[in-house]
Amino acid sequence: MRRQGNGLCLLSLGKLAVYWSSSFDTILDAGGSRGISQLKILAELKFRLVQEVRGDLLSRPHSIFDMIGGSGSGGFISILLGIFGLSVDETLEEFIILSIHVLDIPGISASARTERLKRYITDLMKKYEIDEEMRLLDPNPRSGRCKV
């Protein structure tokens, strides 16, 4: 745990490039709206950590992890957790909204999906009072010392 000085604490989200496989199990996350499973696993992990350590210290993932990263939908989730400083529940809610209004719409062109995504992100930044001109590397009081 970062707060106790025991080295780096990292979180990686997204499609696994390398996965364990046996004749019985294959563990894959194909991204997209399936990223919801990552958030559910993270919620359970956070719940278990809160049970073992002072709960008030672990209210948001950016207070637990030194670095949060991901690819595809996992990259978007890592921005919500690390840059926006959202809780797991807030991130899950926002990701479900994104999935319903952008990701899971069948038969939509790439340009139309891109425009929907731009509108969603602009509205999201306004909702959480994030400056639209802020760069990912800019210091951000919402994310604390967590890097994305």
C-alpha atoms as a PDB file:
ATOM      1  CA  MET A   1       0.000   0.000   0.000  1.00  0.00           C
ATOM      2  CA  ARG A   2       1.407   3.350  -1.019  1.00  0.00           C
ATOM      3  CA  ARG A   3       0.338   5.105   2.179  1.00  0.00           C
ATOM      4  CA  GLN A   4       2.396   2.691   4.273  1.00  0.00           C
ATOM      5  CA  GLY A   5       5.534   3.036   2.134  1.00  0.00           C
ATOM      6  CA  ASN A   6       5.771  -0.592   0.978  1.00  0.00           C
ATOM      7  CA  GLY A   7       6.827   0.099  -2.627  1.00  0.00           C
ATOM      8  CA  LEU A   8       4.677   0.844  -5.653  1.00  0.00           C
ATOM      9  CA  CYS A   9       1.078  -0.261  -5.911  1.00  0.00           C
ATOM     10  CA  LEU A  10      -0.041  -0.610  -9.559  1.00  0.00           C
ATOM     11  CA  LEU A  11      -3.409  -1.268 -11.212  1.00  0.00           C
ATOM     12  CA  SER A  12      -3.678  -2.335 -14.861  1.00  0.00           C
ATOM     13  CA  LEU A  13      -7.012  -2.523 -16.682  1.00  0.00           C
ATOM     14  CA  GLY A  14      -7.906  -3.686 -20.176  1.00  0.00           C
ATOM     15  CA  LYS A  15      -7.557  -6.640 -22.464  1.00  0.00           C
ATOM     16  CA  LEU A  16      -4.936  -9.072 -21.288  1.00  0.00           C
ATOM     17  CA  ALA A  17      -2.147  -9.631 -23.797  1.00  0.00           C
ATOM     18  CA  VAL A  18      -0.950 -12.699 -21.908  1.00  0.00           C
ATOM     19  CA  TYR A  19      -3.406 -14.949 -20.109  1.00  0.00           C
ATOM     20  CA  TRP A  20      -3.377 -18.204 -18.208  1.00  0.00           C
ATOM     21  CA  SER A  21      -5.042 -21.109 -19.918  1.00  0.00           C
ATOM     22  CA  SER A  22      -5.563 -24.750 -19.067  1.00  0.00           C
ATOM     23  CA  SER A  23      -7.836 -27.426 -20.418  1.00  0.00           C
ATOM     24  CA  PHE A  24     -10.467 -26.192 -17.951  1.00  0.00           C
ATOM     25  CA  ASP A  25     -10.260 -22.394 -17.909  1.00  0.00           C
ATOM     26  CA  THR A  26      -9.390 -19.458 -20.126  1.00  0.00           C
ATOM     27  CA  ILE A  27      -9.389 -15.976 -18.643  1.00  0.00           C
ATOM     28  CA  LEU A  28     -10.036 -13.208 -21.174  1.00  0.00           C
ATOM     29  CA  ASP A  29     -11.516  -9.737 -21.134  1.00  0.00           C
ATOM     30  CA  ALA A  30     -12.477  -8.664 -24.637  1.00  0.00           C
ATOM     31  CA  GLY A  31     -12.873  -4.995 -23.700  1.00  0.00           C
ATOM     32  CA  GLY A  32     -15.816  -2.782 -24.643  1.00  0.00           C
ATOM     33  CA  SER A  33     -18.746  -2.876 -22.270  1.00  0.00           C
ATOM     34  CA  ARG A  34     -17.244  -6.059 -20.825  1.00  0.00           C
ATOM     35  CA  GLY A  35     -14.989  -3.656 -18.905  1.00  0.00           C
ATOM     36  CA  ILE A  36     -17.791  -3.627 -16.345  1.00  0.00           C
ATOM     37  CA  SER A  37     -16.374  -6.912 -15.054  1.00  0.00           C
ATOM     38  CA  GLN A  38     -13.076  -5.156 -14.302  1.00  0.00           C
ATOM     39  CA  LEU A  39     -14.883  -2.585 -12.192  1.00  0.00           C
ATOM     40  CA  LYS A  40     -16.816  -5.258 -10.300  1.00  0.00           C
ATOM     41  CA  ILE A  41     -13.554  -7.077  -9.522  1.00  0.00           C
ATOM     42  CA  LEU A  42     -11.974  -3.797  -8.417  1.00  0.00           C
ATOM     43  CA  ALA A  43     -14.978  -3.077  -6.167  1.00  0.00           C
ATOM     44  CA  GLU A  44     -14.533  -6.467  -4.484  1.00  0.00           C
ATOM     45  CA  LEU A  45     -10.786  -5.876  -4.096  1.00  0.00           C
ATOM     46  CA  LYS A  46     -11.418  -2.475  -2.538  1.00  0.00           C
ATOM     47  CA  PHE A  47     -14.031  -3.976  -0.205  1.00  0.00           C
ATOM     48  CA  ARG A  48     -11.522  -6.556   1.015  1.00  0.00           C
ATOM     49  CA  LEU A  49      -8.823  -3.925   1.488  1.00  0.00           C
ATOM     50  CA  VAL A  50     -11.191  -1.740   3.493  1.00  0.00           C
ATOM     51  CA  GLN A  51     -11.921  -4.681   5.779  1.00  0.00           C
ATOM     52  CA  GLU A  52      -8.202  -5.159   6.473  1.00  0.00           C
ATOM     53  CA  VAL A  53      -7.047  -1.529   6.707  1.00  0.00           C
ATOM     54  CA  ARG A  54      -8.559   1.731   7.925  1.00  0.00           C
ATOM     55  CA  GLY A  55     -11.584   2.171   5.667  1.00  0.00           C
ATOM     56  CA  ASP A  56     -11.591   5.959   5.580  1.00  0.00           C
ATOM     57  CA  LEU A  57      -8.123   5.953   4.012  1.00  0.00           C
ATOM     58  CA  LEU A  58      -9.234   3.794   1.082  1.00  0.00           C
ATOM     59  CA  SER A  59     -12.319   5.581  -0.169  1.00  0.00           C
ATOM     60  CA  ARG A  60     -11.074   5.925  -3.778  1.00  0.00           C
ATOM     61  CA  PRO A  61      -8.656   3.890  -5.930  1.00  0.00           C
ATOM     62  CA  HIS A  62      -6.351   6.864  -6.547  1.00  0.00           C
ATOM     63  CA  SER A  63      -5.643   6.842  -2.800  1.00  0.00           C
ATOM     64  CA  ILE A  64      -4.648   3.153  -2.970  1.00  0.00           C
ATOM     65  CA  PHE A  65      -2.646   2.898  -6.199  1.00  0.00           C
ATOM     66  CA  ASP A  66       0.468   4.828  -7.232  1.00  0.00           C
ATOM     67  CA  MET A  67      -0.280   4.172 -10.903  1.00  0.00           C
ATOM     68  CA  ILE A  68      -3.410   3.143 -12.798  1.00  0.00           C
ATOM     69  CA  GLY A  69      -3.229   2.225 -16.485  1.00  0.00           C
ATOM     70  CA  GLY A  70      -5.076   0.328 -19.126  1.00  0.00           C
ATOM     71  CA  SER A  71      -5.781  -0.165 -22.795  1.00  0.00           C
ATOM     72  CA  GLY A  72      -9.036   0.190 -24.684  1.00  0.00           C
ATOM     73  CA  SER A  73     -11.962   0.494 -22.291  1.00  0.00           C
ATOM     74  CA  GLY A  74      -9.508  -0.163 -19.450  1.00  0.00           C
ATOM     75  CA  GLY A  75      -7.663   3.020 -20.438  1.00  0.00           C
ATOM     76  CA  PHE A  76     -10.878   5.009 -20.182  1.00  0.00           C
ATOM     77  CA  ILE A  77     -11.659   3.429 -16.816  1.00  0.00           C
ATOM     78  CA  SER A  78      -8.157   4.277 -15.572  1.00  0.00           C
ATOM     79  CA  ILE A  79      -8.702   7.947 -16.527  1.00  0.00           C
ATOM     80  CA  LEU A  80     -11.976   8.024 -14.585  1.00  0.00           C
ATOM     81  CA  LEU A  81     -10.313   6.449 -11.534  1.00  0.00           C
ATOM     82  CA  GLY A  82      -6.977   8.261 -11.681  1.00  0.00           C
ATOM     83  CA  ILE A  83      -7.511  11.655 -13.343  1.00  0.00           C
ATOM     84  CA  PHE A  84     -11.142  12.274 -12.384  1.00  0.00           C
ATOM     85  CA  GLY A  85     -10.556  10.723  -8.950  1.00  0.00           C
ATOM     86  CA  LEU A  86     -13.891   8.883  -9.050  1.00  0.00           C
ATOM     87  CA  SER A  87     -14.854   6.059  -6.732  1.00  0.00           C
ATOM     88  CA  VAL A  88     -15.341   2.566  -8.154  1.00  0.00           C
ATOM     89  CA  ASP A  89     -19.131   2.976  -7.924  1.00  0.00           C
ATOM     90  CA  GLU A  90     -19.059   6.367  -9.702  1.00  0.00           C
ATOM     91  CA  THR A  91     -16.790   4.919 -12.395  1.00  0.00           C
ATOM     92  CA  LEU A  92     -19.080   1.922 -12.847  1.00  0.00           C
ATOM     93  CA  GLU A  93     -22.089   4.222 -13.233  1.00  0.00           C
ATOM     94  CA  GLU A  94     -20.296   6.404 -15.800  1.00  0.00           C
ATOM     95  CA  PHE A  95     -19.003   3.393 -17.723  1.00  0.00           C
ATOM     96  CA  ILE A  96     -22.501   1.895 -17.929  1.00  0.00           C
ATOM     97  CA  ILE A  97     -23.818   5.222 -19.264  1.00  0.00           C
ATOM     98  CA  LEU A  98     -20.979   5.282 -21.821  1.00  0.00           C
ATOM     99  CA  SER A  99     -21.766   1.710 -22.856  1.00  0.00           C
ATOM    100  CA  ILE A 100     -25.473   2.410 -23.319  1.00  0.00           C
ATOM    101  CA  HIS A 101     -25.105   5.727 -25.163  1.00  0.00           C
ATOM    102  CA  VAL A 102     -21.899   5.138 -27.156  1.00  0.00           C
ATOM    103  CA  LEU A 103     -20.273   1.688 -27.132  1.00  0.00           C
ATOM    104  CA  ASP A 104     -23.189  -0.708 -27.515  1.00  0.00           C
ATOM    105  CA  ILE A 105     -25.209   1.046 -30.223  1.00  0.00           C
ATOM    106  CA  PRO A 106     -25.501  -1.352 -33.167  1.00  0.00           C
ATOM    107  CA  GLY A 107     -25.244  -0.155 -36.768  1.00  0.00           C
ATOM    108  CA  ILE A 108     -23.729   3.248 -36.019  1.00  0.00           C
ATOM    109  CA  SER A 109     -20.922   4.614 -38.201  1.00  0.00           C
ATOM    110  CA  ALA A 110     -17.468   5.229 -36.764  1.00  0.00           C
ATOM    111  CA  SER A 111     -17.808   8.993 -37.272  1.00  0.00           C
ATOM    112  CA  ALA A 112     -21.196   9.089 -35.503  1.00  0.00           C
ATOM    113  CA  ARG A 113     -19.803   7.002 -32.623  1.00  0.00           C
ATOM    114  CA  THR A 114     -16.818   9.379 -32.386  1.00  0.00           C
ATOM    115  CA  GLU A 115     -19.133  12.401 -32.199  1.00  0.00           C
ATOM    116  CA  ARG A 116     -21.216  10.725 -29.465  1.00  0.00           C
ATOM    117  CA  LEU A 117     -18.032   9.935 -27.548  1.00  0.00           C
ATOM    118  CA  LYS A 118     -16.804  13.547 -27.828  1.00  0.00           C
ATOM    119  CA  ARG A 119     -20.155  14.845 -26.517  1.00  0.00           C
ATOM    120  CA  TYR A 120     -20.141  12.319 -23.683  1.00  0.00           C
ATOM    121  CA  ILE A 121     -16.595  13.243 -22.617  1.00  0.00           C
ATOM    122  CA  THR A 122     -17.347  16.993 -22.793  1.00  0.00           C
ATOM    123  CA  ASP A 123     -20.454  16.508 -20.623  1.00  0.00           C
ATOM    124  CA  LEU A 124     -18.506  14.269 -18.234  1.00  0.00           C
ATOM    125  CA  MET A 125     -15.781  16.885 -17.781  1.00  0.00           C
ATOM    126  CA  LYS A 126     -18.387  19.556 -17.042  1.00  0.00           C
ATOM    127  CA  LYS A 127     -20.196  17.275 -14.589  1.00  0.00           C
ATOM    128  CA  TYR A 128     -17.022  16.673 -12.560  1.00  0.00           C
ATOM    129  CA  GLU A 129     -15.672  20.219 -13.062  1.00  0.00           C
ATOM    130  CA  ILE A 130     -12.557  19.154 -14.980  1.00  0.00           C
ATOM    131  CA  ASP A 131     -10.961  21.913 -17.075  1.00  0.00           C
ATOM    132  CA  GLU A 132     -11.284  21.008 -20.764  1.00  0.00           C
ATOM    133  CA  GLU A 133      -7.797  22.415 -21.407  1.00  0.00           C
ATOM    134  CA  MET A 134      -6.154  20.242 -18.743  1.00  0.00           C
ATOM    135  CA  ARG A 135      -3.605  17.769 -20.061  1.00  0.00           C
ATOM    136  CA  LEU A 136      -3.253  14.279 -18.612  1.00  0.00           C
ATOM    137  CA  LEU A 137       0.202  15.110 -17.236  1.00  0.00           C
ATOM    138  CA  ASP A 138      -0.874  18.367 -15.560  1.00  0.00           C
ATOM    139  CA  PRO A 139      -0.940  18.364 -11.745  1.00  0.00           C
ATOM    140  CA  ASN A 140      -4.472  17.591 -10.642  1.00  0.00           C
ATOM    141  CA  PRO A 141      -5.743  17.884  -7.066  1.00  0.00           C
ATOM    142  CA  ARG A 142      -8.464  15.302  -7.796  1.00  0.00           C
ATOM    143  CA  SER A 143      -5.970  12.518  -8.514  1.00  0.00           C
ATOM    144  CA  GLY A 144      -3.497  13.184  -5.714  1.00  0.00           C
ATOM    145  CA  ARG A 145      -0.157  11.507  -6.413  1.00  0.00           C
ATOM    146  CA  CYS A 146      -1.641   8.739  -8.569  1.00  0.00           C
ATOM    147  CA  LYS A 147      -0.279   8.609 -12.132  1.00  0.00           C
ATOM    148  CA  VAL A 148      -2.280   7.378 -15.123  1.00  0.00           C
END
